[in-house]
C-alpha atoms as a PDB file:
ATOM      1  CA  MET A   1      37.619  47.539 -10.429  1.00  0.00           C
ATOM      2  CA  SER A   2      34.064  46.313  -9.841  1.00  0.00           C
ATOM      3  CA  GLU A   3      32.986  42.403 -10.404  1.00  0.00           C
ATOM      4  CA  LYS A   4      31.121  43.607 -13.795  1.00  0.00           C
ATOM      5  CA  GLN A   5      34.483  45.106 -15.008  1.00  0.00           C
ATOM      6  CA  GLU A   6      36.560  42.015 -14.326  1.00  0.00           C
ATOM      7  CA  SER A   7      34.010  39.335 -15.530  1.00  0.00           C
ATOM      8  CA  LYS A   8      33.606  41.750 -19.139  1.00  0.00           C
ATOM      9  CA  ILE A   9      37.824  41.459 -19.254  1.00  0.00           C
ATOM     10  CA  GLU A  10      37.898  37.652 -18.558  1.00  0.00           C
ATOM     11  CA  LYS A  11      34.903  37.065 -21.497  1.00  0.00           C
ATOM     12  CA  ASN A  12      37.334  38.983 -23.716  1.00  0.00           C
ATOM     13  CA  ALA A  13      40.465  36.932 -22.839  1.00  0.00           C
ATOM     14  CA  ASP A  14      38.533  34.133 -23.091  1.00  0.00           C
ATOM     15  CA  ALA A  15      37.173  35.316 -26.835  1.00  0.00           C
ATOM     16  CA  VAL A  16      38.492  33.245 -29.586  1.00  0.00           C
ATOM     17  CA  THR A  17      40.154  35.348 -32.543  1.00  0.00           C
ATOM     18  CA  ILE A  18      39.185  34.135 -35.757  1.00  0.00           C
ATOM     19  CA  SER A  19      42.428  34.308 -38.540  1.00  0.00           C
ATOM     20  CA  GLN A  20      41.339  36.371 -41.850  1.00  0.00           C
ATOM     21  CA  GLN A  21      41.760  32.771 -43.695  1.00  0.00           C
ATOM     22  CA  SER A  22      39.163  31.246 -41.842  1.00  0.00           C
ATOM     23  CA  LYS A  23      36.750  34.288 -41.922  1.00  0.00           C
ATOM     24  CA  ASN A  24      37.461  34.809 -46.068  1.00  0.00           C
ATOM     25  CA  GLY A  25      36.444  30.734 -46.638  1.00  0.00           C
ATOM     26  CA  ALA A  26      33.052  31.188 -44.202  1.00  0.00           C
ATOM     27  CA  VAL A  27      32.261  34.242 -46.327  1.00  0.00           C
ATOM     28  CA  PHE A  28      32.487  32.022 -49.381  1.00  0.00           C
ATOM     29  CA  VAL A  29      30.735  29.082 -48.555  1.00  0.00           C
ATOM     30  CA  TRP A  30      27.674  31.445 -47.486  1.00  0.00           C
ATOM     31  CA  PHE A  31      28.577  33.300 -51.166  1.00  0.00           C
ATOM     32  CA  GLY A  32      28.695  30.070 -53.077  1.00  0.00           C
ATOM     33  CA  ALA A  33      25.509  29.504 -51.140  1.00  0.00           C
ATOM     34  CA  LEU A  34      23.609  32.645 -53.064  1.00  0.00           C
ATOM     35  CA  LEU A  35      25.032  31.551 -56.301  1.00  0.00           C
ATOM     36  CA  LEU A  36      25.269  27.752 -56.437  1.00  0.00           C
ATOM     37  CA  GLY A  37      23.156  26.611 -54.344  1.00  0.00           C
ATOM     38  CA  PHE A  38      24.348  23.692 -51.707  1.00  0.00           C
ATOM     39  CA  PHE A  39      27.423  22.700 -53.530  1.00  0.00           C
ATOM     40  CA  PRO A  40      30.183  24.889 -51.921  1.00  0.00           C
ATOM     41  CA  SER A  41      28.555  23.821 -48.676  1.00  0.00           C
ATOM     42  CA  ILE A  42      28.888  20.292 -48.933  1.00  0.00           C
ATOM     43  CA  ILE A  43      31.985  20.405 -50.762  1.00  0.00           C
ATOM     44  CA  THR A  44      33.777  22.825 -47.695  1.00  0.00           C
ATOM     45  CA  TYR A  45      31.799  20.157 -45.108  1.00  0.00           C
ATOM     46  CA  ILE A  46      33.336  17.261 -46.792  1.00  0.00           C
ATOM     47  CA  VAL A  47      37.054  18.520 -47.417  1.00  0.00           C
ATOM     48  CA  GLU A  48      37.522  20.839 -44.441  1.00  0.00           C
ATOM     49  CA  LYS A  49      38.750  19.053 -41.612  1.00  0.00           C
ATOM     50  CA  ASP A  50      41.379  21.474 -39.845  1.00  0.00           C
ATOM     51  CA  ASP A  51      39.337  24.794 -39.556  1.00  0.00           C
ATOM     52  CA  GLN A  52      36.236  24.306 -37.145  1.00  0.00           C
ATOM     53  CA  TYR A  53      34.865  27.494 -37.568  1.00  0.00           C
ATOM     54  CA  VAL A  54      34.524  27.463 -41.579  1.00  0.00           C
ATOM     55  CA  LYS A  55      33.438  23.625 -40.951  1.00  0.00           C
ATOM     56  CA  GLU A  56      30.548  24.926 -38.150  1.00  0.00           C
ATOM     57  CA  GLN A  57      29.782  27.638 -40.811  1.00  0.00           C
ATOM     58  CA  ALA A  58      29.250  25.155 -43.897  1.00  0.00           C
ATOM     59  CA  LYS A  59      27.351  22.981 -41.643  1.00  0.00           C
ATOM     60  CA  GLU A  60      25.239  25.829 -40.984  1.00  0.00           C
ATOM     61  CA  SER A  61      24.852  26.337 -44.837  1.00  0.00           C
ATOM     62  CA  LEU A  62      24.129  22.960 -45.792  1.00  0.00           C
ATOM     63  CA  ASN A  63      20.960  22.955 -43.093  1.00  0.00           C
ATOM     64  CA  TRP A  64      19.892  26.053 -44.689  1.00  0.00           C
ATOM     65  CA  MET A  65      20.027  24.917 -48.209  1.00  0.00           C
ATOM     66  CA  ILE A  66      18.382  21.511 -46.943  1.00  0.00           C
ATOM     67  CA  THR A  67      15.520  23.567 -45.483  1.00  0.00           C
ATOM     68  CA  TYR A  68      15.541  26.155 -48.533  1.00  0.00           C
ATOM     69  CA  ILE A  69      14.798  23.313 -51.172  1.00  0.00           C
ATOM     70  CA  LEU A  70      12.294  21.510 -48.757  1.00  0.00           C
ATOM     71  CA  ILE A  71      10.033  24.791 -48.295  1.00  0.00           C
ATOM     72  CA  LEU A  72      10.856  25.063 -52.182  1.00  0.00           C
ATOM     73  CA  ILE A  73       8.833  21.810 -52.892  1.00  0.00           C
ATOM     74  CA  ALA A  74       6.513  21.906 -50.371  1.00  0.00           C
ATOM     75  CA  LEU A  75       5.117  25.174 -50.452  1.00  0.00           C
ATOM     76  CA  PRO A  76       3.453  24.889 -54.162  1.00  0.00           C
ATOM     77  CA  ILE A  77       1.168  22.081 -52.673  1.00  0.00           C
ATOM     78  CA  THR A  78      -1.350  24.315 -50.957  1.00  0.00           C
ATOM     79  CA  ILE A  79      -2.737  27.330 -52.685  1.00  0.00           C
ATOM     80  CA  ILE A  80      -1.168  29.711 -49.370  1.00  0.00           C
ATOM     81  CA  GLY A  81       2.086  28.319 -49.596  1.00  0.00           C
ATOM     82  CA  PHE A  82       1.703  28.818 -53.578  1.00  0.00           C
ATOM     83  CA  LEU A  83       1.018  32.348 -53.194  1.00  0.00           C
ATOM     84  CA  ALA A  84       3.892  32.433 -50.470  1.00  0.00           C
ATOM     85  CA  LEU A  85       6.132  31.054 -53.040  1.00  0.00           C
ATOM     86  CA  PRO A  86       7.500  34.186 -54.464  1.00  0.00           C
ATOM     87  CA  PHE A  87       9.253  35.332 -51.009  1.00  0.00           C
ATOM     88  CA  VAL A  88      10.965  32.422 -50.229  1.00  0.00           C
ATOM     89  CA  PRO A  89      14.283  33.283 -52.266  1.00  0.00           C
ATOM     90  CA  ILE A  90      13.804  36.638 -50.761  1.00  0.00           C
ATOM     91  CA  CYS A  91      14.222  34.849 -47.337  1.00  0.00           C
ATOM     92  CA  HIS A  92      17.376  33.077 -48.786  1.00  0.00           C
ATOM     93  CA  LEU A  93      18.770  36.313 -50.109  1.00  0.00           C
ATOM     94  CA  VAL A  94      18.433  38.178 -47.065  1.00  0.00           C
ATOM     95  CA  PHE A  95      20.004  35.180 -45.112  1.00  0.00           C
ATOM     96  CA  CYS A  96      22.980  35.024 -47.074  1.00  0.00           C
ATOM     97  CA  ILE A  97      23.234  38.454 -47.166  1.00  0.00           C
ATOM     98  CA  MET A  98      23.260  38.886 -43.335  1.00  0.00           C
ATOM     99  CA  ALA A  99      25.674  35.738 -42.909  1.00  0.00           C
ATOM    100  CA  ILE A 100      28.016  36.965 -45.174  1.00  0.00           C
ATOM    101  CA  MET A 101      27.931  40.059 -43.155  1.00  0.00           C
ATOM    102  CA  LYS A 102      28.449  38.494 -39.903  1.00  0.00           C
ATOM    103  CA  THR A 103      31.361  36.151 -41.121  1.00  0.00           C
ATOM    104  CA  LYS A 104      33.117  38.691 -42.608  1.00  0.00           C
ATOM    105  CA  LYS A 105      33.258  40.100 -38.698  1.00  0.00           C
ATOM    106  CA  GLY A 106      34.296  36.356 -37.488  1.00  0.00           C
ATOM    107  CA  ASP A 107      30.623  36.101 -35.771  1.00  0.00           C
ATOM    108  CA  SER A 108      28.771  32.898 -36.175  1.00  0.00           C
ATOM    109  CA  PHE A 109      25.673  32.934 -37.870  1.00  0.00           C
ATOM    110  CA  LYS A 110      22.642  30.690 -37.434  1.00  0.00           C
ATOM    111  CA  VAL A 111      19.525  31.017 -40.182  1.00  0.00           C
ATOM    112  CA  PRO A 112      16.687  31.182 -37.585  1.00  0.00           C
ATOM    113  CA  PHE A 113      14.597  29.260 -39.623  1.00  0.00           C
ATOM    114  CA  ALA A 114      16.288  25.869 -40.534  1.00  0.00           C
ATOM    115  CA  PHE A 115      16.240  23.143 -40.068  1.00  0.00           C
ATOM    116  CA  ARG A 116      19.270  21.377 -37.883  1.00  0.00           C
ATOM    117  CA  PHE A 117      19.852  18.071 -40.105  1.00  0.00           C
ATOM    118  CA  LEU A 118      23.384  17.817 -39.286  1.00  0.00           C
ATOM    119  CA  LYS A 119      24.538  18.614 -35.751  1.00  0.00           C
END
């Protein structure tokens, strides 16, 4: 067996399996962010103690929601920002759907343009 194949096998052995309940919790967080804003994210972030995967996704969702709200407040100040304002909810929809699809598989999702307020 080559070194490449051995390292691949070692990587797969080190991979953490995520339970279906954790996946469902993470999907709930992102779906809640899509429909209800930051409330499901902040509640899950505060309440969840045991499941690191769900807590991580709640933190990422909360970071995105804070960034989203700040963008909605700051963009209308300039004319160009006012013209770009209709595209912000579309980005929110796309990022939340991307997150739902990734967390449904058990992968972590990080929004590319979100500020990391919570670390």
